[in-house]
Amino acid sequence: MIDNETIRKASEMGIIDVIDAVNTVESNTTYITLSFDEKIKMIIDMVYQCRYNETVKKLKKRAKLRYLEGI
């Protein structure tokens, strides 16, 4: 479990989504058998995908497309 001080520092650094991914991996029993390297890879993949999705969402909004259903 990550303490409040670490969460505060992560928030200041702008990496709170890393903490969320770590908590997801720690709380999910399917990740117990993974090695440390595999867990780090999963966390990085989760954070990357989250940030990529946010970027796409912002680009769609900024494009001001008339019909977003096709995207």
N, C-alpha and C. Protein backbone atom coordinates (compact mmCIF):
# COMPACT_ATOMS: atom_id res chain seq x y z
N MET A 1 0.84 -1.18 0.00
CA MET A 1 0.00 0.00 0.00
C MET A 1 0.88 1.24 0.00
N ILE A 2 0.52 2.19 -0.79
CA ILE A 2 1.29 3.42 -0.92
C ILE A 2 0.77 4.45 0.08
N ASP A 3 1.68 5.05 0.83
CA ASP A 3 1.26 6.00 1.86
C ASP A 3 0.89 7.36 1.28
N ASN A 4 0.28 8.18 2.11
CA ASN A 4 -0.23 9.49 1.67
C ASN A 4 0.88 10.43 1.23
N GLU A 5 2.03 10.35 1.86
CA GLU A 5 3.15 11.22 1.49
C GLU A 5 3.63 10.92 0.07
N THR A 6 3.71 9.65 -0.25
CA THR A 6 4.12 9.25 -1.61
C THR A 6 3.08 9.69 -2.63
N ILE A 7 1.82 9.57 -2.29
CA ILE A 7 0.75 10.01 -3.18
C ILE A 7 0.83 11.52 -3.40
N ARG A 8 1.11 12.26 -2.33
CA ARG A 8 1.24 13.72 -2.45
C ARG A 8 2.40 14.09 -3.37
N LYS A 9 3.53 13.42 -3.19
CA LYS A 9 4.70 13.69 -4.03
C LYS A 9 4.42 13.34 -5.49
N ALA A 10 3.76 12.22 -5.71
CA ALA A 10 3.41 11.82 -7.08
C ALA A 10 2.47 12.84 -7.72
N SER A 11 1.56 13.36 -6.94
CA SER A 11 0.64 14.37 -7.44
C SER A 11 1.39 15.64 -7.84
N GLU A 12 2.34 16.05 -7.01
CA GLU A 12 3.15 17.23 -7.32
C GLU A 12 3.97 17.02 -8.59
N MET A 13 4.43 15.79 -8.81
CA MET A 13 5.25 15.48 -9.98
C MET A 13 4.40 15.25 -11.22
N GLY A 14 3.10 15.15 -11.06
CA GLY A 14 2.22 14.94 -12.20
C GLY A 14 2.16 13.49 -12.65
N ILE A 15 2.43 12.57 -11.74
CA ILE A 15 2.41 11.15 -12.10
C ILE A 15 1.42 10.38 -11.23
N ILE A 16 0.34 11.01 -10.87
CA ILE A 16 -0.65 10.34 -10.03
C ILE A 16 -1.26 9.14 -10.74
N ASP A 17 -1.27 9.17 -12.08
CA ASP A 17 -1.80 8.03 -12.81
C ASP A 17 -0.92 6.79 -12.64
N VAL A 18 0.35 6.98 -12.34
CA VAL A 18 1.23 5.85 -12.04
C VAL A 18 0.80 5.19 -10.73
N ILE A 19 0.46 6.02 -9.75
CA ILE A 19 -0.02 5.50 -8.47
C ILE A 19 -1.31 4.71 -8.66
N ASP A 20 -2.21 5.24 -9.49
CA ASP A 20 -3.45 4.53 -9.77
C ASP A 20 -3.18 3.17 -10.42
N ALA A 21 -2.24 3.13 -11.34
CA ALA A 21 -1.89 1.86 -12.00
C ALA A 21 -1.26 0.88 -11.01
N VAL A 22 -0.41 1.36 -10.14
CA VAL A 22 0.21 0.51 -9.12
C VAL A 22 -0.87 -0.06 -8.21
N ASN A 23 -1.80 0.77 -7.79
CA ASN A 23 -2.89 0.30 -6.94
C ASN A 23 -3.74 -0.74 -7.66
N THR A 24 -3.96 -0.56 -8.95
CA THR A 24 -4.72 -1.53 -9.73
C THR A 24 -4.00 -2.87 -9.76
N VAL A 25 -2.71 -2.84 -10.02
CA VAL A 25 -1.92 -4.07 -10.08
C VAL A 25 -1.87 -4.74 -8.70
N GLU A 26 -1.70 -3.96 -7.65
CA GLU A 26 -1.62 -4.52 -6.30
C GLU A 26 -2.95 -5.13 -5.85
N SER A 27 -4.06 -4.55 -6.25
CA SER A 27 -5.36 -5.01 -5.77
C SER A 27 -5.95 -6.15 -6.59
N ASN A 28 -5.41 -6.40 -7.76
CA ASN A 28 -5.95 -7.43 -8.64
C ASN A 28 -5.18 -8.74 -8.44
N THR A 29 -5.90 -9.80 -8.09
CA THR A 29 -5.25 -11.08 -7.78
C THR A 29 -4.64 -11.76 -9.01
N THR A 30 -5.03 -11.38 -10.20
CA THR A 30 -4.47 -12.01 -11.40
C THR A 30 -3.02 -11.60 -11.64
N TYR A 31 -2.57 -10.51 -11.02
CA TYR A 31 -1.21 -10.04 -11.21
C TYR A 31 -0.24 -10.59 -10.17
N ILE A 32 -0.72 -11.39 -9.23
CA ILE A 32 0.14 -11.89 -8.14
C ILE A 32 1.28 -12.75 -8.67
N THR A 33 1.01 -13.55 -9.69
CA THR A 33 2.03 -14.47 -10.19
C THR A 33 3.07 -13.81 -11.09
N LEU A 34 2.87 -12.56 -11.45
CA LEU A 34 3.81 -11.88 -12.34
C LEU A 34 5.09 -11.51 -11.60
N SER A 35 6.18 -11.48 -12.33
CA SER A 35 7.45 -11.03 -11.76
C SER A 35 7.44 -9.50 -11.64
N PHE A 36 8.45 -8.99 -10.96
CA PHE A 36 8.55 -7.54 -10.79
C PHE A 36 8.63 -6.84 -12.14
N ASP A 37 9.45 -7.36 -13.05
CA ASP A 37 9.60 -6.76 -14.37
C ASP A 37 8.29 -6.75 -15.14
N GLU A 38 7.54 -7.85 -15.04
CA GLU A 38 6.25 -7.91 -15.73
C GLU A 38 5.25 -6.92 -15.14
N LYS A 39 5.28 -6.75 -13.83
CA LYS A 39 4.39 -5.78 -13.18
C LYS A 39 4.74 -4.36 -13.61
N ILE A 40 6.03 -4.04 -13.67
CA ILE A 40 6.45 -2.71 -14.13
C ILE A 40 6.00 -2.48 -15.55
N LYS A 41 6.15 -3.49 -16.40
CA LYS A 41 5.71 -3.38 -17.79
C LYS A 41 4.20 -3.12 -17.85
N MET A 42 3.43 -3.83 -17.04
CA MET A 42 1.98 -3.64 -17.01
C MET A 42 1.63 -2.23 -16.56
N ILE A 43 2.30 -1.73 -15.56
CA ILE A 43 2.04 -0.39 -15.04
C ILE A 43 2.35 0.65 -16.11
N ILE A 44 3.49 0.51 -16.76
CA ILE A 44 3.87 1.46 -17.81
C ILE A 44 2.88 1.41 -18.96
N ASP A 45 2.45 0.21 -19.34
CA ASP A 45 1.46 0.08 -20.41
C ASP A 45 0.13 0.74 -20.04
N MET A 46 -0.29 0.56 -18.78
CA MET A 46 -1.55 1.16 -18.32
C MET A 46 -1.47 2.69 -18.37
N VAL A 47 -0.37 3.23 -17.86
CA VAL A 47 -0.21 4.69 -17.83
C VAL A 47 -0.11 5.24 -19.25
N TYR A 48 0.65 4.57 -20.11
CA TYR A 48 0.79 5.02 -21.49
C TYR A 48 -0.57 5.04 -22.19
N GLN A 49 -1.33 3.96 -22.04
CA GLN A 49 -2.64 3.88 -22.70
C GLN A 49 -3.59 4.95 -22.18
N CYS A 50 -3.57 5.19 -20.88
CA CYS A 50 -4.42 6.22 -20.28
C CYS A 50 -4.06 7.60 -20.84
N ARG A 51 -2.78 7.92 -20.87
CA ARG A 51 -2.36 9.22 -21.39
C ARG A 51 -2.63 9.36 -22.88
N TYR A 52 -2.44 8.27 -23.63
CA TYR A 52 -2.73 8.29 -25.06
C TYR A 52 -4.23 8.53 -25.31
N ASN A 53 -5.07 7.85 -24.54
CA ASN A 53 -6.52 8.03 -24.68
C ASN A 53 -6.93 9.47 -24.36
N GLU A 54 -6.33 10.05 -23.34
CA GLU A 54 -6.63 11.45 -22.99
C GLU A 54 -6.19 12.39 -24.11
N THR A 55 -5.05 12.12 -24.73
CA THR A 55 -4.57 12.94 -25.84
C THR A 55 -5.53 12.87 -27.02
N VAL A 56 -5.99 11.67 -27.33
CA VAL A 56 -6.94 11.50 -28.44
C VAL A 56 -8.24 12.22 -28.14
N LYS A 57 -8.70 12.11 -26.90
CA LYS A 57 -9.94 12.79 -26.51
C LYS A 57 -9.81 14.31 -26.67
N LYS A 58 -8.68 14.86 -26.24
CA LYS A 58 -8.45 16.30 -26.37
C LYS A 58 -8.36 16.73 -27.83
N LEU A 59 -7.69 15.92 -28.65
CA LEU A 59 -7.57 16.25 -30.08
C LEU A 59 -8.93 16.22 -30.77
N LYS A 60 -9.76 15.26 -30.42
CA LYS A 60 -11.12 15.20 -30.98
C LYS A 60 -11.91 16.44 -30.62
N LYS A 61 -11.79 16.83 -29.36
CA LYS A 61 -12.53 18.01 -28.89
C LYS A 61 -12.02 19.27 -29.57
N ARG A 62 -10.72 19.37 -29.73
CA ARG A 62 -10.14 20.56 -30.35
C ARG A 62 -10.42 20.63 -31.85
N ALA A 63 -10.64 19.47 -32.49
CA ALA A 63 -10.90 19.43 -33.92
C ALA A 63 -12.28 20.01 -34.26
N LYS A 64 -13.19 20.01 -33.30
CA LYS A 64 -14.55 20.54 -33.47
C LYS A 64 -15.23 19.93 -34.70
N LEU A 65 -15.14 18.62 -34.77
CA LEU A 65 -15.77 17.91 -35.87
C LEU A 65 -17.29 17.91 -35.71
N ARG A 66 -17.97 17.96 -36.80
CA ARG A 66 -19.41 18.01 -36.76
C ARG A 66 -20.01 16.67 -36.36
N TYR A 67 -19.46 15.58 -36.90
CA TYR A 67 -20.00 14.25 -36.62
C TYR A 67 -18.90 13.38 -36.00
N LEU A 68 -18.95 13.19 -34.70
CA LEU A 68 -17.94 12.43 -34.01
C LEU A 68 -18.24 10.93 -34.01
N GLU A 69 -19.43 10.53 -34.44
CA GLU A 69 -19.78 9.11 -34.39
C GLU A 69 -18.88 8.27 -35.27
N GLY A 70 -18.37 8.83 -36.33
CA GLY A 70 -17.53 8.08 -37.26
C GLY A 70 -16.12 7.86 -36.77
N ILE A 71 -15.75 8.46 -35.67
CA ILE A 71 -14.39 8.36 -35.16
C ILE A 71 -14.31 7.32 -34.08
